[in-house]
Amino acid sequence: MAEVINMPRLSDTMEEGTVAAWLKNVGDKIEEGDILAEIETDKATMEFESFYEGTLLYIGVQEGETTEVDKLLAIIGEAGEDISSHLSGDIKNEDKENVIESANASPQDVSTDAKSEALPEGVIVVTMPRLSDTMEEGTVATWLKNVGDEVEEGDILAEIETDKATMEFESFQSGTLLYVGLNEGDSAKVDALLAIIGPAGTDVAHIAKNFKVGGDAPKVEVKPEPKKETPKVAAVKTPKTATKPAVSVTTNTANGRIFASPLAKKMAEEKGIQLAQVNGSGENGRIVKKDIENFTPVSIAQSSSTVAKFVPSGQEDFDEVANSNMRKAIAKNLAKSKFSAPHYYLNVEFDMENAMAFRAQYNSLPETKISYNDMIVKACALALRQHPQVNSQWFDDRMQLNNHVHIGVAVAVPDGLLVPVVKFANEQSLTQIGAAVKEYAGKARNKKLALDEMEGSTFTISNLGMFGIESFTSIINQPNSAILSVGAIVAKPVVKNGNVVAGNTMKLTLACDHRTVDGATGAQFLQTLKDYIENPVTMLV
């Protein structure tokens, strides 16, 4: 029976997706849990795995192409199966409704006509645990026990990746591991079948087959739920095969993206290993646990120079680059901000002599390194606590004055701009802010930022000083009321005590939404910020 795979909704704001890379070709065998493709959303590039087994019969969206959520992405079925009716949309509306209803039914609604039978003596069904208060599903990062292994009470069975962290899950029973319900990298809802433990040699196939969530006995097996339900469609009989060219993937990267298991990523992060330097031995070059364990650092020669495309003299030439989902989202959001929020700009120039001396002394401490940007984030956070009007957000029916400070730090990436958020920045030390910004910047450039790491900002900072830009203005990141543009530190003559002396200054521009921040309010905020920047020791009090 053919399975129609539609473009999934991989984020709450996603309206369309772009296929960054196909990891399977038409005609390839597909196992449940195999990574089919990498899908580029408006926020990140994410792996999309198959929840069906069979042969990949059809690819509806080629690499680099974009389609709307719920549009045909691929079809999986039996080799040689006729899929013409699915391509022409010949599925009856009533059948479609029945299928979608079935796909949307919660696991608790699934029932079976099999007769109830008690579990064999000593057999224990282990289900996906709820390891955090907000956890709804978990992913098996790695199994620490194999089928057939003896398990003692207290042994670590597996590492489970939740919505917040990867945690060890220990066994509360003793016996033999008879069955594993999820492979490494697979996800399932809380209370779904995870494993079965019992006396060695016990046949538990019928238990696994008849398992269901929340019931006494026999249970229907619950499979990991895809991010977007894909309706099942009936097979048709006329033999006809669809063929489409596809690009085979032989390395662990495609278009700059890296394929790695969750555990491999975690181990690489702990060991400080750059995944781009690791050769993957898994399927389609995917990096797995053993690749990280066996990795030996090597020097990689990199060329920072770029060669311009050759164009004959006098010949017009251009290249077209399709807009990425991120670029479209940036254009939409910033245009909305620019034309809906009445912007005005306040320009200041700060004396940076004390800040430069403070940073040099602070960085002389062992294992300590902060940037000027870290100091600006900290200074803004402290100043915002004194000026909640600038730390506000505009909504159609109200204005929200925030008593917490979450500062968004704009990070340039090839496709545009991402804004990871340093939360409760006023409560963090300079070194904590520095570590957080460095981590988020790395994740942003690798498109690995989680959604919750980009949400909730109350104020934004954009710094182009490292590019030598002396001053510029930014567009407000709504629903924030203001954004600070930070320029380069410039050595120049300055007047002090009536004398012209050598000095160092930095220009900043505060863009404000006049609906929430009046001119005097913005000016008072900048005066407080000036006090912190020009007297940085006050940030340590």
Protein backbone atom coordinates (compact mmCIF):
# COMPACT_ATOMS: atom_id res chain seq x y z
CA MET A 1 0.00 0.00 0.00
CA ALA A 2 1.47 3.33 -1.08
CA GLU A 3 2.10 6.02 1.53
CA VAL A 4 1.84 9.67 0.50
CA ILE A 5 4.42 11.86 2.28
CA ASN A 6 3.49 15.55 2.42
CA MET A 7 5.70 18.52 3.25
CA PRO A 8 5.71 18.50 7.09
CA ARG A 9 5.19 21.52 9.33
CA LEU A 10 8.48 21.56 11.24
CA SER A 11 7.97 24.82 13.12
CA ASP A 12 4.98 26.76 14.41
CA THR A 13 5.49 29.55 11.85
CA MET A 14 6.41 27.38 8.87
CA GLU A 15 4.25 27.92 5.80
CA GLU A 16 6.51 26.35 3.18
CA GLY A 17 9.67 24.27 3.07
CA THR A 18 12.64 23.83 0.77
CA VAL A 19 14.30 20.46 0.16
CA ALA A 20 17.95 21.14 0.98
CA ALA A 21 19.09 17.58 0.20
CA TRP A 22 17.58 14.19 -0.55
CA LEU A 23 19.32 11.35 1.28
CA LYS A 24 17.38 8.67 -0.60
CA ASN A 25 16.91 8.15 -4.34
CA VAL A 26 13.91 6.84 -6.27
CA GLY A 27 14.11 3.05 -6.13
CA ASP A 28 15.93 2.95 -2.77
CA LYS A 29 14.65 0.73 0.02
CA ILE A 30 13.37 2.72 2.99
CA GLU A 31 13.34 1.52 6.59
CA GLU A 32 11.31 3.15 9.32
CA GLY A 33 13.50 5.84 10.90
CA ASP A 34 15.70 6.41 7.83
CA ILE A 35 16.43 10.08 7.11
CA LEU A 36 14.65 10.87 3.85
CA ALA A 37 15.69 14.48 3.35
CA GLU A 38 16.85 17.70 4.93
CA ILE A 39 14.09 20.31 4.95
CA GLU A 40 14.89 24.01 5.19
CA THR A 41 12.27 25.97 7.12
CA ASP A 42 12.04 29.69 7.88
CA LYS A 43 14.19 29.13 10.99
CA ALA A 44 16.51 26.16 10.50
CA THR A 45 17.41 23.16 8.38
CA MET A 46 16.07 19.95 9.93
CA GLU A 47 16.31 16.25 9.18
CA PHE A 48 13.02 14.61 8.14
CA GLU A 49 12.78 10.90 8.76
CA SER A 50 10.49 8.25 7.32
CA PHE A 51 7.83 6.64 9.46
CA TYR A 52 7.13 3.99 6.82
CA GLU A 53 8.94 1.10 5.20
CA GLY A 54 9.01 0.30 1.49
CA THR A 55 10.53 1.60 -1.73
CA LEU A 56 10.83 5.29 -2.60
CA LEU A 57 8.61 5.44 -5.69
CA TYR A 58 8.37 9.14 -6.36
CA ILE A 59 9.98 12.45 -5.40
CA GLY A 60 7.68 15.43 -5.82
CA VAL A 61 10.05 18.23 -4.82
CA GLN A 62 13.61 18.32 -6.12
CA GLU A 63 16.62 19.64 -4.20
CA GLY A 64 16.48 23.42 -3.95
CA GLU A 65 12.77 23.54 -4.76
CA THR A 66 10.17 24.97 -2.37
CA THR A 67 6.59 23.91 -1.73
CA GLU A 68 3.85 24.70 0.76
CA VAL A 69 3.17 22.67 3.90
CA ASP A 70 0.96 19.62 3.18
CA LYS A 71 1.87 19.53 -0.53
CA LEU A 72 3.14 16.24 -2.04
CA LEU A 73 6.75 15.56 -1.10
CA ALA A 74 7.24 11.87 -1.90
CA ILE A 75 5.50 8.50 -2.20
CA ILE A 76 6.66 5.27 -0.56
CA GLY A 77 5.20 1.87 -1.44
CA GLU A 78 5.96 -1.52 -2.94
CA ALA A 79 8.32 -1.75 -5.89
CA GLY A 80 6.41 -1.57 -9.18
CA GLU A 81 3.24 -0.26 -7.55
CA ASP A 82 1.08 2.06 -9.65
CA ILE A 83 0.91 5.53 -8.12
CA SER A 84 -0.74 7.37 -10.98
CA SER A 85 -3.97 8.02 -9.08
CA HIS A 86 -2.02 9.66 -6.24
CA LEU A 87 -0.22 11.93 -8.67
CA SER A 88 -3.44 12.96 -10.38
CA GLY A 89 -5.26 13.46 -7.09
CA ASP A 90 -7.82 10.72 -7.77
CA ILE A 91 -8.43 9.94 -4.09
CA LYS A 92 -12.06 10.05 -3.03
CA ASN A 93 -12.86 12.83 -0.56
CA GLU A 94 -14.62 10.46 1.83
CA ASP A 95 -11.63 8.09 1.83
CA LYS A 96 -9.34 11.02 2.45
CA GLU A 97 -11.40 12.16 5.44
CA ASN A 98 -11.45 8.68 6.93
CA VAL A 99 -7.71 8.34 6.56
CA ILE A 100 -6.97 11.76 8.06
CA GLU A 101 -9.31 11.03 10.97
CA SER A 102 -7.45 7.80 11.58
CA ALA A 103 -4.07 9.53 11.35
CA ASN A 104 -5.12 12.25 13.77
CA ALA A 105 -6.51 9.85 16.37
CA SER A 106 -4.54 9.88 19.59
CA PRO A 107 -2.78 6.69 20.70
CA GLN A 108 -5.26 6.33 23.51
CA ASP A 109 -8.08 6.00 20.96
CA VAL A 110 -6.49 2.97 19.27
CA SER A 111 -8.14 -0.28 20.24
CA THR A 112 -7.84 -3.96 19.37
CA ASP A 113 -10.18 -6.93 19.23
CA ALA A 114 -7.57 -9.30 20.55
CA LYS A 115 -8.42 -11.06 23.75
CA SER A 116 -6.90 -9.87 26.98
CA GLU A 117 -4.15 -12.01 28.31
CA ALA A 118 -1.94 -11.47 31.33
CA LEU A 119 1.78 -10.87 30.94
CA PRO A 120 3.95 -13.97 31.45
CA GLU A 121 5.40 -14.25 34.94
CA GLY A 122 8.40 -12.00 35.48
CA VAL A 123 7.91 -10.00 32.27
CA ILE A 124 7.97 -6.21 32.64
CA VAL A 125 6.99 -3.72 29.92
CA VAL A 126 9.16 -0.58 30.08
CA THR A 127 7.55 2.51 28.54
CA MET A 128 8.93 5.89 27.50
CA PRO A 129 9.34 7.79 30.78
CA ARG A 130 8.30 11.39 31.39
CA LEU A 131 11.65 12.91 32.36
CA SER A 132 10.55 16.55 32.54
CA ASP A 133 7.31 18.32 33.35
CA THR A 134 6.91 19.54 29.76
CA MET A 135 8.05 16.36 28.01
CA GLU A 136 5.55 14.91 25.55
CA GLU A 137 7.88 12.63 23.59
CA GLY A 138 11.42 11.34 23.88
CA THR A 139 14.19 10.24 21.53
CA VAL A 140 16.51 7.32 22.23
CA ALA A 141 19.96 8.89 21.88
CA THR A 142 21.76 5.61 22.59
CA TRP A 143 21.11 2.16 24.04
CA LEU A 144 23.57 1.10 26.73
CA LYS A 145 22.16 -2.44 26.81
CA ASN A 146 21.56 -4.83 23.91
CA VAL A 147 18.82 -7.46 23.46
CA GLY A 148 19.98 -10.54 25.37
CA ASP A 149 21.99 -8.60 27.97
CA GLU A 150 21.38 -9.18 31.66
CA VAL A 151 19.96 -6.10 33.36
CA GLU A 152 20.27 -5.38 37.06
CA GLU A 153 18.10 -2.94 38.96
CA GLY A 154 19.81 0.45 38.73
CA ASP A 155 21.63 -0.27 35.46
CA ILE A 156 21.47 2.49 32.85
CA LEU A 157 19.30 1.18 30.02
CA ALA A 158 19.50 4.10 27.61
CA GLU A 159 20.09 7.80 27.18
CA ILE A 160 16.81 9.60 26.43
CA GLU A 161 16.74 12.98 24.73
CA THR A 162 13.87 15.13 26.00
CA ASP A 163 12.72 18.62 25.06
CA LYS A 164 15.24 20.03 27.54
CA ALA A 165 18.24 17.70 27.85
CA THR A 166 19.67 14.22 27.27
CA MET A 167 19.24 12.14 30.42
CA GLU A 168 20.22 8.68 31.59
CA PHE A 169 17.31 6.28 32.14
CA GLU A 170 17.91 3.47 34.57
CA SER A 171 16.12 0.17 34.98
CA PHE A 172 13.96 -0.44 38.02
CA GLN A 173 13.77 -4.18 37.29
CA SER A 174 16.20 -7.06 36.94
CA GLY A 175 16.15 -9.65 34.16
CA THR A 176 17.11 -10.07 30.52
CA LEU A 177 16.50 -7.38 27.91
CA LEU A 178 14.13 -9.28 25.61
CA TYR A 179 12.91 -6.59 23.25
CA VAL A 180 13.77 -3.03 22.19
CA GLY A 181 10.85 -1.00 20.83
CA LEU A 182 12.83 1.98 19.48
CA ASN A 183 16.10 2.18 17.61
CA GLU A 184 18.71 4.82 18.38
CA GLY A 185 17.53 8.15 16.99
CA ASP A 186 13.85 7.11 17.00
CA SER A 187 11.25 9.13 18.91
CA ALA A 188 8.00 8.16 20.60
CA LYS A 189 5.34 9.65 22.82
CA VAL A 190 5.55 9.35 26.60
CA ASP A 191 4.24 5.92 27.73
CA ALA A 192 4.93 4.31 24.34
CA LEU A 193 6.67 0.93 24.31
CA LEU A 194 10.38 1.32 25.00
CA ALA A 195 11.58 -2.14 25.99
CA ILE A 196 10.57 -5.47 27.54
CA ILE A 197 12.52 -7.14 30.35
CA GLY A 198 11.93 -10.66 31.66
CA PRO A 199 13.31 -14.18 32.09
CA ALA A 200 15.73 -15.27 29.36
CA GLY A 201 14.08 -17.15 26.50
CA THR A 202 10.57 -15.77 27.04
CA ASP A 203 8.66 -15.14 23.81
CA VAL A 204 7.42 -11.55 23.95
CA ALA A 205 6.65 -10.98 20.25
CA HIS A 206 2.89 -11.01 20.87
CA ILE A 207 3.26 -8.53 23.74
CA ALA A 208 5.15 -6.05 21.56
CA LYS A 209 2.69 -6.50 18.69
CA ASN A 210 -0.40 -5.94 20.83
CA PHE A 211 0.92 -3.11 23.00
CA LYS A 212 -1.09 0.09 23.32
CA VAL A 213 -0.73 3.21 25.44
CA GLY A 214 -2.80 3.28 28.61
CA GLY A 215 -4.57 -0.03 29.03
CA ASP A 216 -4.37 -3.22 30.95
CA ALA A 217 -3.50 -5.72 28.26
CA PRO A 218 -3.15 -6.46 24.98
CA LYS A 219 -1.81 -3.24 23.59
CA VAL A 220 -1.42 -1.88 20.11
CA GLU A 221 2.11 -0.86 19.24
CA VAL A 222 2.52 2.91 19.15
CA LYS A 223 4.92 4.19 16.51
CA PRO A 224 6.74 7.53 16.81
CA GLU A 225 4.42 10.23 15.59
CA PRO A 226 5.71 12.31 12.68
CA LYS A 227 5.80 16.07 13.00
CA LYS A 228 3.04 16.20 10.39
CA GLU A 229 0.61 13.36 9.85
CA THR A 230 0.74 11.95 6.34
CA PRO A 231 -2.50 10.35 5.12
CA LYS A 232 -2.41 6.73 4.00
CA VAL A 233 -3.88 6.03 0.60
CA ALA A 234 -5.09 2.81 -0.97
CA ALA A 235 -2.92 1.05 -3.55
CA VAL A 236 -4.06 0.76 -7.15
CA LYS A 237 -3.41 -2.17 -9.41
CA THR A 238 -2.06 -1.10 -12.80
CA PRO A 239 1.74 -1.60 -12.79
CA LYS A 240 3.60 1.57 -13.57
CA THR A 241 6.79 2.92 -12.10
CA ALA A 242 7.83 6.49 -11.70
CA THR A 243 11.46 7.44 -12.11
CA LYS A 244 13.18 10.69 -11.34
CA PRO A 245 16.86 11.50 -11.28
CA ALA A 246 18.30 12.01 -7.81
CA VAL A 247 21.68 12.89 -6.46
CA SER A 248 23.44 10.26 -4.41
CA VAL A 249 25.00 11.34 -1.14
CA THR A 250 28.32 9.83 -0.20
CA THR A 251 29.64 12.17 2.46
CA ASN A 252 28.39 13.50 5.75
CA THR A 253 27.69 16.95 4.33
CA ALA A 254 25.42 18.39 1.69
CA ASN A 255 25.30 22.07 0.83
CA GLY A 256 27.30 22.79 3.97
CA ARG A 257 25.00 20.85 6.31
CA ILE A 258 26.25 18.04 8.51
CA PHE A 259 24.47 14.75 9.19
CA ALA A 260 25.09 13.30 12.66
CA SER A 261 23.18 11.31 15.26
CA PRO A 262 22.00 13.18 18.39
CA LEU A 263 24.50 11.27 20.56
CA ALA A 264 27.37 12.03 18.18
CA LYS A 265 26.50 15.73 18.30
CA LYS A 266 26.40 15.65 22.09
CA MET A 267 29.75 13.84 22.36
CA ALA A 268 31.37 16.18 19.83
CA GLU A 269 30.17 19.21 21.77
CA GLU A 270 31.52 17.80 25.04
CA LYS A 271 34.91 17.02 23.45
CA GLY A 272 35.15 20.26 21.50
CA ILE A 273 35.26 18.43 18.15
CA GLN A 274 34.16 20.21 14.98
CA LEU A 275 31.73 17.87 13.21
CA ALA A 276 32.86 19.22 9.83
CA GLN A 277 36.25 17.54 10.43
CA VAL A 278 34.76 14.09 11.12
CA ASN A 279 34.19 11.45 8.44
CA GLY A 280 30.93 9.60 9.07
CA SER A 281 30.70 5.83 8.78
CA GLY A 282 26.92 5.59 9.13
CA GLU A 283 24.23 5.50 6.49
CA ASN A 284 24.87 8.11 3.76
CA GLY A 285 27.99 9.25 5.57
CA ARG A 286 26.13 10.10 8.78
CA ILE A 287 28.37 10.68 11.81
CA VAL A 288 27.70 8.17 14.62
CA LYS A 289 29.05 7.54 18.10
CA LYS A 290 32.07 5.47 17.07
CA ASP A 291 33.23 8.16 14.63
CA ILE A 292 33.53 10.64 17.50
CA GLU A 293 35.23 8.06 19.75
CA ASN A 294 37.81 7.23 17.04
CA PHE A 295 38.33 10.79 15.81
CA THR A 296 41.90 12.09 15.62
CA PRO A 297 42.23 15.87 15.05
CA VAL A 298 44.01 16.85 11.88
CA SER A 299 44.96 20.25 10.55
CA ILE A 300 42.72 21.44 7.76
CA ALA A 301 44.00 23.96 5.26
CA GLN A 302 41.39 26.56 4.58
CA SER A 303 41.51 29.33 2.06
CA SER A 304 39.86 32.56 3.04
CA SER A 305 40.18 34.02 -0.44
CA THR A 306 37.35 33.84 -2.94
CA VAL A 307 37.76 33.84 -6.71
CA ALA A 308 35.37 35.99 -8.72
CA LYS A 309 33.51 34.36 -11.58
CA PHE A 310 35.16 35.00 -14.93
CA VAL A 311 33.07 37.21 -17.20
CA PRO A 312 34.34 38.26 -20.66
CA SER A 313 34.87 41.99 -21.07
CA GLY A 314 31.78 43.85 -22.23
CA GLN A 315 29.40 40.95 -21.53
CA GLU A 316 26.43 41.30 -19.21
CA ASP A 317 26.11 38.43 -16.75
CA PHE A 318 24.17 37.57 -13.61
CA ASP A 319 23.38 34.63 -11.34
CA GLU A 320 19.96 33.96 -9.85
CA VAL A 321 19.71 32.65 -6.31
CA ALA A 322 16.33 31.45 -5.06
CA ASN A 323 15.22 33.12 -1.84
CA SER A 324 15.58 30.77 1.12
CA ASN A 325 12.76 30.41 3.63
CA MET A 326 14.87 32.28 6.17
CA ARG A 327 15.43 35.14 3.73
CA LYS A 328 11.68 35.30 2.96
CA ALA A 329 10.81 35.35 6.66
CA ILE A 330 13.35 38.12 7.35
CA ALA A 331 11.98 40.20 4.47
CA LYS A 332 8.40 39.74 5.64
CA ASN A 333 9.05 40.49 9.31
CA LEU A 334 11.36 43.48 8.80
CA ALA A 335 9.11 45.04 6.17
CA LYS A 336 6.20 44.70 8.58
CA SER A 337 8.28 46.29 11.36
CA LYS A 338 9.62 49.14 9.24
CA PHE A 339 6.23 50.14 7.85
CA SER A 340 4.10 49.55 10.95
CA ALA A 341 6.35 50.85 13.75
CA PRO A 342 7.13 54.60 13.62
CA HIS A 343 10.94 54.46 13.93
CA TYR A 344 13.12 57.31 15.15
CA TYR A 345 16.83 57.25 15.91
CA LEU A 346 19.05 58.57 18.69
CA ASN A 347 22.80 58.83 18.05
CA VAL A 348 25.49 58.93 20.76
CA GLU A 349 29.27 58.64 20.98
CA PHE A 350 30.89 57.11 24.06
CA ASP A 351 34.42 57.48 25.40
CA MET A 352 35.90 53.95 25.41
CA GLU A 353 39.19 54.56 27.27
CA ASN A 354 37.99 53.07 30.58
CA ALA A 355 36.19 50.22 28.83
CA MET A 356 39.37 49.25 26.95
CA ALA A 357 41.44 49.32 30.13
CA PHE A 358 38.80 47.34 32.03
CA ARG A 359 38.60 44.65 29.34
CA ALA A 360 42.39 44.28 29.20
CA GLN A 361 42.59 43.86 32.97
CA TYR A 362 39.59 41.49 33.09
CA ASN A 363 41.03 39.28 30.35
CA SER A 364 44.34 39.03 32.20
CA LEU A 365 42.64 36.69 34.66
CA PRO A 366 43.25 32.96 34.03
CA GLU A 367 40.82 31.32 31.57
CA THR A 368 38.83 34.54 31.21
CA LYS A 369 38.02 36.30 27.96
CA ILE A 370 35.26 38.77 27.28
CA SER A 371 34.53 40.94 24.25
CA TYR A 372 33.31 44.51 24.01
CA ASN A 373 30.01 43.09 22.80
CA ASP A 374 29.67 41.11 26.05
CA MET A 375 30.20 44.33 28.00
CA ILE A 376 27.54 46.11 25.93
CA VAL A 377 25.05 43.27 26.48
CA LYS A 378 25.62 43.45 30.23
CA ALA A 379 25.42 47.26 30.31
CA CYS A 380 22.18 47.25 28.30
CA ALA A 381 20.68 44.61 30.57
CA LEU A 382 21.38 46.70 33.67
CA ALA A 383 20.15 49.91 32.03
CA LEU A 384 16.93 48.24 30.83
CA ARG A 385 16.03 47.28 34.39
CA GLN A 386 16.02 51.00 35.18
CA HIS A 387 14.05 51.91 32.05
CA PRO A 388 11.26 49.32 31.58
CA GLN A 389 9.62 51.54 28.95
CA VAL A 390 12.53 50.74 26.60
CA ASN A 391 12.29 47.08 27.64
CA SER A 392 8.69 46.99 26.49
CA GLN A 393 6.70 45.33 23.72
CA TRP A 394 3.86 46.73 21.63
CA PHE A 395 0.71 44.74 20.98
CA ASP A 396 -2.45 45.93 19.27
CA ASP A 397 -4.45 46.04 22.48
CA ARG A 398 -1.78 46.71 25.11
CA MET A 399 1.79 47.66 25.95
CA GLN A 400 3.81 45.15 27.98
CA LEU A 401 6.50 46.54 30.31
CA ASN A 402 8.90 43.69 31.01
CA ASN A 403 10.57 43.29 34.38
CA HIS A 404 12.82 40.53 33.02
CA VAL A 405 15.57 41.22 30.50
CA HIS A 406 16.05 38.85 27.54
CA ILE A 407 18.50 40.36 25.07
CA GLY A 408 18.57 39.22 21.45
CA VAL A 409 22.02 39.33 19.83
CA ALA A 410 21.89 39.54 16.02
CA VAL A 411 24.17 36.99 14.29
CA ALA A 412 24.92 37.14 10.57
CA VAL A 413 24.55 33.83 8.70
CA PRO A 414 24.80 33.13 4.94
CA ASP A 415 21.01 33.18 4.52
CA GLY A 416 20.44 36.37 6.49
CA LEU A 417 20.19 37.05 10.20
CA LEU A 418 19.34 35.01 13.28
CA VAL A 419 18.73 36.47 16.73
CA PRO A 420 19.53 34.06 19.58
CA VAL A 421 18.40 35.30 22.98
CA VAL A 422 20.49 35.66 26.16
CA LYS A 423 17.82 35.23 28.82
CA PHE A 424 17.93 37.05 32.17
CA ALA A 425 21.04 38.84 30.95
CA ASN A 426 21.01 41.26 33.90
CA GLU A 427 21.45 38.31 36.28
CA GLN A 428 24.45 36.85 34.44
CA SER A 429 28.13 37.71 34.83
CA LEU A 430 30.23 39.01 31.95
CA THR A 431 31.87 35.61 31.48
CA GLN A 432 28.50 33.83 31.47
CA ILE A 433 27.20 36.26 28.86
CA GLY A 434 30.36 35.76 26.79
CA ALA A 435 30.01 31.97 26.88
CA ALA A 436 26.33 32.11 25.97
CA VAL A 437 26.85 34.49 23.05
CA LYS A 438 29.74 32.41 21.71
CA GLU A 439 27.71 29.19 21.93
CA TYR A 440 24.63 30.70 20.28
CA ALA A 441 26.69 32.30 17.50
CA GLY A 442 28.22 28.91 16.67
CA LYS A 443 24.83 27.22 16.66
CA ALA A 444 23.37 29.99 14.49
CA ARG A 445 26.06 29.62 11.83
CA ASN A 446 25.54 25.84 11.79
CA LYS A 447 21.73 26.24 11.76
CA LYS A 448 21.47 24.29 15.00
CA LEU A 449 19.64 26.85 17.13
CA ALA A 450 16.58 25.47 18.87
CA LEU A 451 13.34 27.43 18.55
CA ASP A 452 13.26 28.33 22.24
CA GLU A 453 16.78 29.81 21.90
CA MET A 454 15.44 32.40 19.43
CA GLU A 455 12.24 33.37 21.20
CA GLY A 456 11.28 35.81 23.94
CA SER A 457 13.67 38.74 23.40
CA THR A 458 12.70 42.06 25.02
CA PHE A 459 15.53 44.12 23.43
CA THR A 460 17.98 43.53 20.57
CA ILE A 461 21.61 44.44 19.90
CA SER A 462 23.19 44.49 16.43
CA ASN A 463 26.98 44.94 16.34
CA LEU A 464 28.86 45.60 13.10
CA GLY A 465 31.89 47.10 14.80
CA MET A 466 34.03 44.05 14.02
CA PHE A 467 33.53 44.85 10.31
CA GLY A 468 34.85 48.38 10.72
CA ILE A 469 31.42 50.03 10.46
CA GLU A 470 31.51 53.25 12.47
CA SER A 471 27.75 53.87 12.66
CA PHE A 472 24.51 52.50 11.21
CA THR A 473 20.80 52.16 11.96
CA SER A 474 18.82 48.95 12.41
CA ILE A 475 15.18 47.97 11.97
CA ILE A 476 13.39 47.08 15.22
CA ASN A 477 12.92 43.36 15.88
CA GLN A 478 9.22 43.31 16.73
CA PRO A 479 7.48 43.07 19.12
CA ASN A 480 10.46 44.77 20.84
CA SER A 481 10.34 48.54 21.21
CA ALA A 482 14.00 49.26 20.49
CA ILE A 483 17.22 47.95 18.95
CA LEU A 484 20.77 49.20 19.57
CA SER A 485 23.23 49.46 16.67
CA VAL A 486 26.87 49.28 17.78
CA GLY A 487 29.74 50.61 15.67
CA ALA A 488 33.51 50.16 15.76
CA ILE A 489 35.86 51.67 18.34
CA VAL A 490 37.74 54.41 16.50
CA ALA A 491 41.03 56.04 17.53
CA LYS A 492 40.66 59.79 17.01
CA PRO A 493 41.55 63.17 18.54
CA VAL A 494 39.16 64.12 21.33
CA VAL A 495 38.82 67.17 23.56
CA LYS A 496 39.42 66.57 27.29
CA ASN A 497 39.64 69.38 29.80
CA GLY A 498 40.00 71.86 26.97
CA ASN A 499 42.92 70.01 25.37
CA VAL A 500 42.99 67.94 22.20
CA VAL A 501 44.35 64.49 23.05
CA ALA A 502 44.40 61.01 21.51
CA GLY A 503 41.30 59.03 22.39
CA ASN A 504 39.03 56.11 21.46
CA THR A 505 35.31 56.48 20.92
CA MET A 506 32.40 54.32 19.82
CA LYS A 507 29.18 55.42 18.13
CA LEU A 508 25.84 53.81 18.95
CA THR A 509 22.39 54.36 17.48
CA LEU A 510 19.18 53.50 19.32
CA ALA A 511 16.19 52.88 17.05
CA CYS A 512 12.95 53.35 19.00
CA ASP A 513 9.28 52.64 18.36
CA HIS A 514 7.57 55.96 19.03
CA ARG A 515 4.38 54.16 20.09
CA THR A 516 6.08 52.95 23.26
CA VAL A 517 9.33 54.93 23.70
CA ASP A 518 9.24 58.72 23.71
CA GLY A 519 12.33 60.70 22.76
CA ALA A 520 13.13 61.74 26.32
CA THR A 521 12.74 58.14 27.54
CA GLY A 522 15.19 56.87 24.91
CA ALA A 523 17.66 59.64 25.77
CA GLN A 524 17.51 58.80 29.48
CA PHE A 525 18.19 55.13 28.71
CA LEU A 526 21.26 56.08 26.66
CA GLN A 527 22.52 58.29 29.51
CA THR A 528 22.28 55.35 31.92
CA LEU A 529 23.98 53.10 29.34
CA LYS A 530 26.76 55.69 28.96
CA ASP A 531 27.41 55.61 32.72
CA TYR A 532 27.89 51.83 32.62
CA ILE A 533 30.03 51.75 29.45
CA GLU A 534 32.31 54.61 30.46
CA ASN A 535 32.59 53.30 34.05
CA PRO A 536 32.48 49.53 33.53
CA VAL A 537 33.53 48.69 37.08
CA THR A 538 29.98 49.68 38.11
CA MET A 539 28.71 46.60 36.23
CA LEU A 540 30.44 44.39 38.80
CA VAL A 541 28.60 45.86 41.78
